[in-house]
Amino acid sequence: MPFTFEHHDPNSYRRKARLISVAMAGQLIVFGLVFSQLLTATFGSSLWLNAIGVLLGLIVTSLTFAVLRERPWMTEMRYVWQLKHHLSRVSGYLATLRREMEQGNSVALNLMAFYHQGMVQLAELNGRTLDDDSERIAERQRIRLLREERGLPERVEGFDPHDLAAFKRS
């Protein structure tokens, strides 16, 4: 399924991410304590029963968020999770993509443009600056120039995971 870049307000994303993180941690604590208390009250006090209670709390918390992730108020979170997933997949192919890009492969050029755009957007959403070293800046500039030479737009619209099938993982 193709991934398309979307615009999301960084401040709204960070606010929701903090709220959801606190809610998730709170839910884990409450469920962990409840399950631990139930198990130790039923079977007696044991470190293992406490650990199993925490594990059950983690499972219930994970299931709760798995169900809630499709809710409209989770749109930004879902988008960022997908973006991170796709960036992670592409990063496994970077060495091959760089080599193919220099040999004139337009699919590799599009994938590299996606990777750099995604990294910039992720940094923007998280309120961070990219730790740009000279190599990364030079690579972004090279991609921009190659796209310009070929008459391609500076930015790509998204990413099709099937495009990676033509390349070997590095």
N, C-alpha and C. Protein backbone atom coordinates (compact mmCIF):
# COMPACT_ATOMS: atom_id res chain seq x y z
N MET A 1 0.85 -1.18 0.00
CA MET A 1 0.00 0.00 0.00
C MET A 1 0.89 1.24 0.00
N PRO A 2 0.72 2.11 -0.99
CA PRO A 2 1.56 3.30 -1.07
C PRO A 2 1.36 4.25 0.11
N PHE A 3 2.42 4.91 0.46
CA PHE A 3 2.42 5.90 1.54
C PHE A 3 2.53 7.27 0.90
N THR A 4 1.68 8.20 1.31
CA THR A 4 1.69 9.56 0.77
C THR A 4 1.99 10.54 1.90
N PHE A 5 2.87 11.50 1.61
CA PHE A 5 3.17 12.52 2.60
C PHE A 5 1.92 13.34 2.91
N GLU A 6 1.74 13.65 4.17
CA GLU A 6 0.64 14.50 4.63
C GLU A 6 1.22 15.62 5.47
N HIS A 7 0.47 16.70 5.56
CA HIS A 7 0.91 17.79 6.43
C HIS A 7 0.17 17.67 7.76
N HIS A 8 0.95 17.73 8.84
CA HIS A 8 0.36 17.74 10.19
C HIS A 8 1.05 18.83 10.99
N ASP A 9 0.28 19.48 11.83
CA ASP A 9 0.82 20.54 12.66
C ASP A 9 1.76 19.94 13.71
N PRO A 10 3.04 20.36 13.71
CA PRO A 10 4.00 19.79 14.67
C PRO A 10 3.60 20.01 16.13
N ASN A 11 3.07 21.19 16.45
CA ASN A 11 2.68 21.45 17.83
C ASN A 11 1.53 20.55 18.27
N SER A 12 0.56 20.37 17.41
CA SER A 12 -0.56 19.48 17.71
C SER A 12 -0.07 18.04 17.87
N TYR A 13 0.82 17.61 16.98
CA TYR A 13 1.37 16.26 17.07
C TYR A 13 2.11 16.04 18.39
N ARG A 14 2.98 16.97 18.75
CA ARG A 14 3.76 16.82 19.98
C ARG A 14 2.86 16.82 21.21
N ARG A 15 1.82 17.67 21.21
CA ARG A 15 0.89 17.71 22.33
C ARG A 15 0.16 16.38 22.47
N LYS A 16 -0.34 15.85 21.35
CA LYS A 16 -1.03 14.56 21.39
C LYS A 16 -0.08 13.43 21.76
N ALA A 17 1.14 13.48 21.25
CA ALA A 17 2.11 12.42 21.56
C ALA A 17 2.41 12.39 23.06
N ARG A 18 2.58 13.56 23.65
CA ARG A 18 2.82 13.61 25.10
C ARG A 18 1.61 13.08 25.88
N LEU A 19 0.44 13.52 25.50
CA LEU A 19 -0.78 13.09 26.17
C LEU A 19 -0.97 11.58 26.07
N ILE A 20 -0.78 11.04 24.88
CA ILE A 20 -0.95 9.60 24.67
C ILE A 20 0.13 8.82 25.41
N SER A 21 1.34 9.33 25.45
CA SER A 21 2.42 8.66 26.19
C SER A 21 2.11 8.60 27.68
N VAL A 22 1.63 9.71 28.22
CA VAL A 22 1.28 9.74 29.64
C VAL A 22 0.11 8.80 29.91
N ALA A 23 -0.89 8.81 29.03
CA ALA A 23 -2.04 7.92 29.20
C ALA A 23 -1.62 6.46 29.13
N MET A 24 -0.75 6.16 28.19
CA MET A 24 -0.29 4.78 28.05
C MET A 24 0.51 4.34 29.28
N ALA A 25 1.39 5.20 29.77
CA ALA A 25 2.17 4.87 30.97
C ALA A 25 1.26 4.72 32.18
N GLY A 26 0.29 5.61 32.31
CA GLY A 26 -0.65 5.53 33.43
C GLY A 26 -1.48 4.27 33.37
N GLN A 27 -1.93 3.93 32.19
CA GLN A 27 -2.73 2.72 32.02
C GLN A 27 -1.90 1.48 32.35
N LEU A 28 -0.65 1.47 31.91
CA LEU A 28 0.24 0.34 32.21
C LEU A 28 0.45 0.20 33.71
N ILE A 29 0.66 1.31 34.39
CA ILE A 29 0.86 1.28 35.85
C ILE A 29 -0.38 0.74 36.55
N VAL A 30 -1.54 1.29 36.18
CA VAL A 30 -2.79 0.86 36.83
C VAL A 30 -3.06 -0.62 36.57
N PHE A 31 -3.01 -1.03 35.31
CA PHE A 31 -3.27 -2.44 35.01
C PHE A 31 -2.23 -3.36 35.63
N GLY A 32 -0.97 -2.94 35.60
CA GLY A 32 0.08 -3.76 36.22
C GLY A 32 -0.16 -3.96 37.70
N LEU A 33 -0.52 -2.87 38.39
CA LEU A 33 -0.81 -2.97 39.82
C LEU A 33 -2.05 -3.82 40.10
N VAL A 34 -3.10 -3.61 39.32
CA VAL A 34 -4.34 -4.37 39.53
C VAL A 34 -4.10 -5.86 39.33
N PHE A 35 -3.45 -6.22 38.22
CA PHE A 35 -3.19 -7.64 37.97
C PHE A 35 -2.24 -8.23 39.02
N SER A 36 -1.23 -7.48 39.41
CA SER A 36 -0.30 -7.97 40.44
C SER A 36 -1.04 -8.19 41.76
N GLN A 37 -1.88 -7.23 42.13
CA GLN A 37 -2.64 -7.37 43.38
C GLN A 37 -3.60 -8.56 43.32
N LEU A 38 -4.27 -8.72 42.20
CA LEU A 38 -5.18 -9.86 42.06
C LEU A 38 -4.44 -11.19 42.15
N LEU A 39 -3.32 -11.29 41.48
CA LEU A 39 -2.56 -12.54 41.50
C LEU A 39 -1.98 -12.84 42.88
N THR A 40 -1.40 -11.81 43.52
CA THR A 40 -0.82 -12.06 44.85
C THR A 40 -1.89 -12.31 45.90
N ALA A 41 -3.06 -11.69 45.75
CA ALA A 41 -4.16 -11.95 46.70
C ALA A 41 -4.71 -13.36 46.52
N THR A 42 -4.70 -13.85 45.29
CA THR A 42 -5.24 -15.17 45.01
C THR A 42 -4.25 -16.29 45.33
N PHE A 43 -2.98 -16.11 44.92
CA PHE A 43 -1.99 -17.19 45.01
C PHE A 43 -0.89 -16.95 46.03
N GLY A 44 -0.91 -15.84 46.73
CA GLY A 44 0.15 -15.54 47.69
C GLY A 44 1.21 -14.64 47.08
N SER A 45 2.00 -14.05 47.93
CA SER A 45 3.00 -13.09 47.48
C SER A 45 4.19 -13.79 46.83
N SER A 46 4.56 -13.29 45.66
CA SER A 46 5.70 -13.85 44.94
C SER A 46 6.19 -12.82 43.93
N LEU A 47 7.48 -12.77 43.76
CA LEU A 47 8.07 -11.87 42.77
C LEU A 47 7.59 -12.24 41.37
N TRP A 48 7.48 -13.54 41.10
CA TRP A 48 7.05 -14.00 39.79
C TRP A 48 5.60 -13.60 39.51
N LEU A 49 4.76 -13.67 40.51
CA LEU A 49 3.37 -13.26 40.31
C LEU A 49 3.27 -11.76 40.04
N ASN A 50 4.10 -10.97 40.71
CA ASN A 50 4.15 -9.53 40.43
C ASN A 50 4.60 -9.28 39.00
N ALA A 51 5.61 -10.01 38.57
CA ALA A 51 6.12 -9.85 37.20
C ALA A 51 5.05 -10.26 36.18
N ILE A 52 4.35 -11.35 36.46
CA ILE A 52 3.27 -11.78 35.55
C ILE A 52 2.16 -10.74 35.53
N GLY A 53 1.87 -10.11 36.66
CA GLY A 53 0.86 -9.05 36.71
C GLY A 53 1.25 -7.86 35.85
N VAL A 54 2.51 -7.49 35.91
CA VAL A 54 3.00 -6.38 35.07
C VAL A 54 2.93 -6.78 33.60
N LEU A 55 3.31 -8.01 33.29
CA LEU A 55 3.24 -8.49 31.91
C LEU A 55 1.80 -8.48 31.40
N LEU A 56 0.87 -8.92 32.22
CA LEU A 56 -0.55 -8.87 31.84
C LEU A 56 -1.01 -7.42 31.63
N GLY A 57 -0.54 -6.52 32.49
CA GLY A 57 -0.85 -5.10 32.32
C GLY A 57 -0.33 -4.56 31.00
N LEU A 58 0.88 -4.98 30.63
CA LEU A 58 1.47 -4.55 29.36
C LEU A 58 0.66 -5.08 28.18
N ILE A 59 0.23 -6.33 28.27
CA ILE A 59 -0.56 -6.93 27.20
C ILE A 59 -1.90 -6.20 27.04
N VAL A 60 -2.58 -5.93 28.14
CA VAL A 60 -3.88 -5.25 28.08
C VAL A 60 -3.70 -3.82 27.55
N THR A 61 -2.65 -3.13 27.99
CA THR A 61 -2.38 -1.78 27.50
C THR A 61 -2.11 -1.80 26.01
N SER A 62 -1.32 -2.75 25.54
CA SER A 62 -1.03 -2.88 24.11
C SER A 62 -2.29 -3.16 23.30
N LEU A 63 -3.12 -4.05 23.81
CA LEU A 63 -4.37 -4.36 23.11
C LEU A 63 -5.30 -3.15 23.06
N THR A 64 -5.35 -2.41 24.14
CA THR A 64 -6.19 -1.21 24.18
C THR A 64 -5.74 -0.21 23.12
N PHE A 65 -4.45 0.02 23.02
CA PHE A 65 -3.97 0.99 22.03
C PHE A 65 -4.04 0.44 20.62
N ALA A 66 -3.97 -0.87 20.46
CA ALA A 66 -4.16 -1.46 19.13
C ALA A 66 -5.59 -1.21 18.64
N VAL A 67 -6.55 -1.28 19.55
CA VAL A 67 -7.95 -1.01 19.20
C VAL A 67 -8.15 0.48 18.95
N LEU A 68 -7.54 1.32 19.75
CA LEU A 68 -7.76 2.77 19.66
C LEU A 68 -7.00 3.44 18.52
N ARG A 69 -6.02 2.78 17.95
CA ARG A 69 -5.18 3.45 16.94
C ARG A 69 -5.93 3.84 15.68
N GLU A 70 -7.10 3.25 15.44
CA GLU A 70 -7.90 3.60 14.27
C GLU A 70 -8.85 4.77 14.52
N ARG A 71 -8.88 5.29 15.72
CA ARG A 71 -9.74 6.42 16.04
C ARG A 71 -9.25 7.68 15.33
N PRO A 72 -10.15 8.59 14.99
CA PRO A 72 -9.77 9.83 14.28
C PRO A 72 -8.75 10.68 15.04
N TRP A 73 -8.80 10.70 16.37
CA TRP A 73 -7.88 11.52 17.14
C TRP A 73 -6.47 10.94 17.16
N MET A 74 -6.30 9.75 16.60
CA MET A 74 -4.97 9.13 16.53
C MET A 74 -4.34 9.29 15.14
N THR A 75 -4.91 10.12 14.30
CA THR A 75 -4.44 10.26 12.92
C THR A 75 -2.96 10.62 12.85
N GLU A 76 -2.55 11.64 13.61
CA GLU A 76 -1.15 12.06 13.57
C GLU A 76 -0.22 10.95 14.05
N MET A 77 -0.62 10.27 15.12
CA MET A 77 0.22 9.18 15.66
C MET A 77 0.37 8.07 14.62
N ARG A 78 -0.74 7.69 14.02
CA ARG A 78 -0.74 6.63 13.01
C ARG A 78 0.15 7.03 11.83
N TYR A 79 0.04 8.28 11.40
CA TYR A 79 0.86 8.76 10.28
C TYR A 79 2.35 8.69 10.62
N VAL A 80 2.72 9.14 11.80
CA VAL A 80 4.14 9.14 12.19
C VAL A 80 4.65 7.71 12.35
N TRP A 81 3.83 6.80 12.90
CA TRP A 81 4.25 5.40 13.01
C TRP A 81 4.51 4.82 11.63
N GLN A 82 3.63 5.12 10.66
CA GLN A 82 3.81 4.62 9.30
C GLN A 82 5.06 5.24 8.66
N LEU A 83 5.26 6.54 8.87
CA LEU A 83 6.43 7.20 8.32
C LEU A 83 7.71 6.57 8.87
N LYS A 84 7.77 6.37 10.17
CA LYS A 84 8.95 5.74 10.78
C LYS A 84 9.17 4.33 10.24
N HIS A 85 8.09 3.60 10.07
CA HIS A 85 8.20 2.24 9.54
C HIS A 85 8.80 2.26 8.14
N HIS A 86 8.30 3.12 7.28
CA HIS A 86 8.79 3.18 5.90
C HIS A 86 10.23 3.70 5.84
N LEU A 87 10.56 4.68 6.67
CA LEU A 87 11.94 5.17 6.70
C LEU A 87 12.89 4.08 7.16
N SER A 88 12.45 3.29 8.12
CA SER A 88 13.27 2.19 8.60
C SER A 88 13.50 1.16 7.49
N ARG A 89 12.46 0.86 6.74
CA ARG A 89 12.60 -0.09 5.63
C ARG A 89 13.58 0.43 4.59
N VAL A 90 13.44 1.70 4.21
CA VAL A 90 14.31 2.28 3.19
C VAL A 90 15.75 2.34 3.69
N SER A 91 15.95 2.61 4.98
CA SER A 91 17.32 2.75 5.49
C SER A 91 18.11 1.46 5.35
N GLY A 92 17.45 0.31 5.31
CA GLY A 92 18.14 -0.95 5.10
C GLY A 92 18.70 -1.09 3.69
N TYR A 93 18.24 -0.27 2.79
CA TYR A 93 18.66 -0.33 1.39
C TYR A 93 19.53 0.85 0.98
N LEU A 94 19.91 1.71 1.91
CA LEU A 94 20.58 2.96 1.54
C LEU A 94 21.83 2.78 0.69
N ALA A 95 22.70 1.86 1.06
CA ALA A 95 23.94 1.69 0.29
C ALA A 95 23.64 1.32 -1.16
N THR A 96 22.71 0.39 -1.35
CA THR A 96 22.31 -0.02 -2.70
C THR A 96 21.64 1.13 -3.43
N LEU A 97 20.76 1.85 -2.75
CA LEU A 97 20.06 2.96 -3.39
C LEU A 97 21.02 4.07 -3.81
N ARG A 98 22.01 4.35 -2.96
CA ARG A 98 23.00 5.37 -3.33
C ARG A 98 23.76 4.97 -4.58
N ARG A 99 24.18 3.73 -4.64
CA ARG A 99 24.93 3.23 -5.80
C ARG A 99 24.07 3.30 -7.06
N GLU A 100 22.83 2.83 -6.95
CA GLU A 100 21.93 2.83 -8.10
C GLU A 100 21.55 4.24 -8.54
N MET A 101 21.41 5.13 -7.58
CA MET A 101 21.08 6.52 -7.89
C MET A 101 22.17 7.14 -8.75
N GLU A 102 23.42 6.87 -8.39
CA GLU A 102 24.56 7.42 -9.14
C GLU A 102 24.67 6.80 -10.53
N GLN A 103 24.10 5.60 -10.70
CA GLN A 103 24.13 4.95 -12.01
C GLN A 103 22.94 5.35 -12.88
N GLY A 104 22.11 6.27 -12.37
CA GLY A 104 21.01 6.80 -13.17
C GLY A 104 19.67 6.13 -12.96
N ASN A 105 19.52 5.31 -11.94
CA ASN A 105 18.25 4.63 -11.67
C ASN A 105 17.27 5.64 -11.05
N SER A 106 16.19 5.91 -11.79
CA SER A 106 15.24 6.93 -11.33
C SER A 106 14.41 6.45 -10.14
N VAL A 107 14.17 5.14 -10.03
CA VAL A 107 13.43 4.62 -8.88
C VAL A 107 14.26 4.83 -7.61
N ALA A 108 15.54 4.54 -7.69
CA ALA A 108 16.44 4.75 -6.55
C ALA A 108 16.48 6.23 -6.18
N LEU A 109 16.49 7.10 -7.18
CA LEU A 109 16.49 8.54 -6.93
C LEU A 109 15.22 8.96 -6.20
N ASN A 110 14.08 8.42 -6.61
CA ASN A 110 12.82 8.72 -5.93
C ASN A 110 12.82 8.21 -4.49
N LEU A 111 13.34 7.01 -4.29
CA LEU A 111 13.40 6.45 -2.94
C LEU A 111 14.32 7.26 -2.04
N MET A 112 15.44 7.71 -2.57
CA MET A 112 16.36 8.54 -1.78
C MET A 112 15.72 9.89 -1.46
N ALA A 113 14.99 10.45 -2.42
CA ALA A 113 14.29 11.72 -2.16
C ALA A 113 13.24 11.51 -1.07
N PHE A 114 12.50 10.39 -1.13
CA PHE A 114 11.53 10.07 -0.09
C PHE A 114 12.21 9.97 1.27
N TYR A 115 13.33 9.28 1.32
CA TYR A 115 14.03 9.08 2.58
C TYR A 115 14.41 10.42 3.21
N HIS A 116 15.01 11.30 2.42
CA HIS A 116 15.44 12.59 2.97
C HIS A 116 14.25 13.48 3.34
N GLN A 117 13.22 13.49 2.51
CA GLN A 117 12.02 14.27 2.85
C GLN A 117 11.38 13.74 4.13
N GLY A 118 11.32 12.44 4.26
CA GLY A 118 10.74 11.84 5.44
C GLY A 118 11.52 12.15 6.70
N MET A 119 12.84 12.11 6.60
CA MET A 119 13.68 12.43 7.76
C MET A 119 13.49 13.88 8.18
N VAL A 120 13.39 14.78 7.21
CA VAL A 120 13.17 16.19 7.51
C VAL A 120 11.81 16.38 8.17
N GLN A 121 10.77 15.74 7.62
CA GLN A 121 9.44 15.89 8.20
C GLN A 121 9.38 15.29 9.60
N LEU A 122 10.00 14.16 9.81
CA LEU A 122 10.01 13.55 11.13
C LEU A 122 10.70 14.44 12.15
N ALA A 123 11.82 15.03 11.76
CA ALA A 123 12.52 15.96 12.66
C ALA A 123 11.64 17.17 12.96
N GLU A 124 10.96 17.68 11.95
CA GLU A 124 10.08 18.83 12.14
C GLU A 124 8.92 18.50 13.09
N LEU A 125 8.30 17.35 12.89
CA LEU A 125 7.19 16.96 13.74
C LEU A 125 7.62 16.75 15.19
N ASN A 126 8.82 16.25 15.38
CA ASN A 126 9.33 16.02 16.74
C ASN A 126 9.97 17.26 17.35
N GLY A 127 10.02 18.35 16.61
CA GLY A 127 10.58 19.59 17.14
C GLY A 127 12.08 19.54 17.28
N ARG A 128 12.73 18.80 16.43
CA ARG A 128 14.19 18.67 16.48
C ARG A 128 14.79 19.19 15.20
N THR A 129 16.06 19.49 15.28
CA THR A 129 16.78 19.83 14.06
C THR A 129 17.58 18.60 13.65
N LEU A 130 17.74 18.42 12.37
CA LEU A 130 18.55 17.30 11.91
C LEU A 130 20.01 17.56 12.26
N ASP A 131 20.66 16.55 12.74
CA ASP A 131 22.09 16.66 13.01
C ASP A 131 22.81 16.51 11.68
N ASP A 132 22.71 17.57 10.89
CA ASP A 132 23.26 17.50 9.55
C ASP A 132 24.76 17.52 9.56
N ASP A 133 25.31 16.49 9.01
CA ASP A 133 26.74 16.51 8.76
C ASP A 133 26.92 16.87 7.29
N SER A 134 28.12 17.13 6.90
CA SER A 134 28.37 17.58 5.54
C SER A 134 27.99 16.53 4.51
N GLU A 135 28.13 15.24 4.84
CA GLU A 135 27.77 14.19 3.89
C GLU A 135 26.28 14.17 3.62
N ARG A 136 25.50 14.32 4.65
CA ARG A 136 24.04 14.29 4.50
C ARG A 136 23.56 15.51 3.70
N ILE A 137 24.14 16.67 4.00
CA ILE A 137 23.79 17.88 3.25
C ILE A 137 24.18 17.72 1.78
N ALA A 138 25.37 17.18 1.54
CA ALA A 138 25.83 16.98 0.17
C ALA A 138 24.94 15.98 -0.58
N GLU A 139 24.51 14.94 0.12
CA GLU A 139 23.64 13.95 -0.51
C GLU A 139 22.28 14.56 -0.87
N ARG A 140 21.73 15.35 0.03
CA ARG A 140 20.46 16.02 -0.26
C ARG A 140 20.60 16.96 -1.45
N GLN A 141 21.71 17.68 -1.51
CA GLN A 141 21.97 18.59 -2.62
C GLN A 141 22.12 17.80 -3.92
N ARG A 142 22.82 16.68 -3.87
CA ARG A 142 23.02 15.83 -5.05
C ARG A 142 21.68 15.31 -5.57
N ILE A 143 20.83 14.88 -4.68
CA ILE A 143 19.50 14.39 -5.06
C ILE A 143 18.71 15.50 -5.72
N ARG A 144 18.75 16.69 -5.13
CA ARG A 144 18.03 17.83 -5.70
C ARG A 144 18.53 18.14 -7.11
N LEU A 145 19.85 18.13 -7.29
CA LEU A 145 20.43 18.42 -8.62
C LEU A 145 20.08 17.34 -9.64
N LEU A 146 20.16 16.08 -9.25
CA LEU A 146 19.82 15.00 -10.17
C LEU A 146 18.35 15.07 -10.58
N ARG A 147 17.49 15.39 -9.64
CA ARG A 147 16.07 15.50 -9.97
C ARG A 147 15.83 16.70 -10.90
N GLU A 148 16.55 17.76 -10.65
CA GLU A 148 16.44 18.95 -11.49
C GLU A 148 16.91 18.66 -12.91
N GLU A 149 18.04 17.95 -13.04
CA GLU A 149 18.57 17.60 -14.36
C GLU A 149 17.59 16.77 -15.17
N ARG A 150 16.85 15.92 -14.50
CA ARG A 150 15.91 15.03 -15.19
C ARG A 150 14.53 15.64 -15.35
N GLY A 151 14.38 16.88 -14.91
CA GLY A 151 13.10 17.55 -15.04
C GLY A 151 12.05 17.04 -14.06
N LEU A 152 12.51 16.41 -12.99
CA LEU A 152 11.59 15.90 -11.97
C LEU A 152 11.34 16.97 -10.92
N PRO A 153 10.17 16.95 -10.30
CA PRO A 153 9.93 17.91 -9.22
C PRO A 153 10.91 17.68 -8.07
N GLU A 154 11.18 18.73 -7.33
CA GLU A 154 12.16 18.65 -6.24
C GLU A 154 11.70 17.68 -5.16
N ARG A 155 10.40 17.61 -4.95
CA ARG A 155 9.86 16.76 -3.88
C ARG A 155 9.07 15.60 -4.48
N VAL A 156 9.03 14.49 -3.76
CA VAL A 156 8.20 13.35 -4.15
C VAL A 156 6.93 13.39 -3.33
N GLU A 157 5.90 12.74 -3.83
CA GLU A 157 4.61 12.74 -3.15
C GLU A 157 4.52 11.68 -2.05
N GLY A 158 5.31 10.63 -2.20
CA GLY A 158 5.23 9.55 -1.23
C GLY A 158 6.15 8.40 -1.58
N PHE A 159 5.71 7.18 -1.25
CA PHE A 159 6.56 6.01 -1.34
C PHE A 159 5.71 4.78 -1.59
N ASP A 160 6.14 3.97 -2.55
CA ASP A 160 5.49 2.70 -2.79
C ASP A 160 6.44 1.60 -2.34
N PRO A 161 6.08 0.84 -1.31
CA PRO A 161 6.98 -0.20 -0.79
C PRO A 161 7.40 -1.23 -1.84
N HIS A 162 6.59 -1.41 -2.87
CA HIS A 162 6.94 -2.37 -3.91
C HIS A 162 8.17 -1.93 -4.71
N ASP A 163 8.48 -0.64 -4.68
CA ASP A 163 9.66 -0.14 -5.39
C ASP A 163 10.96 -0.71 -4.80
N LEU A 164 10.95 -1.07 -3.52
CA LEU A 164 12.14 -1.62 -2.90
C LEU A 164 12.46 -3.03 -3.36
N ALA A 165 11.48 -3.73 -3.94
CA ALA A 165 11.67 -5.12 -4.34
C ALA A 165 12.76 -5.26 -5.41
N ALA A 166 13.03 -4.22 -6.17
CA ALA A 166 14.02 -4.28 -7.23
C ALA A 166 15.46 -4.18 -6.70
N PHE A 167 15.60 -3.90 -5.41
CA PHE A 167 16.93 -3.68 -4.85
C PHE A 167 17.26 -4.71 -3.78
N LYS A 168 18.55 -4.94 -3.58
CA LYS A 168 19.00 -5.85 -2.52
C LYS A 168 19.33 -5.05 -1.28
N ARG A 169 19.01 -5.64 -0.12
CA ARG A 169 19.36 -5.00 1.15
C ARG A 169 20.86 -4.92 1.27
N SER A 170 21.31 -3.80 1.84
CA SER A 170 22.75 -3.66 2.02
C SER A 170 23.18 -4.13 3.38
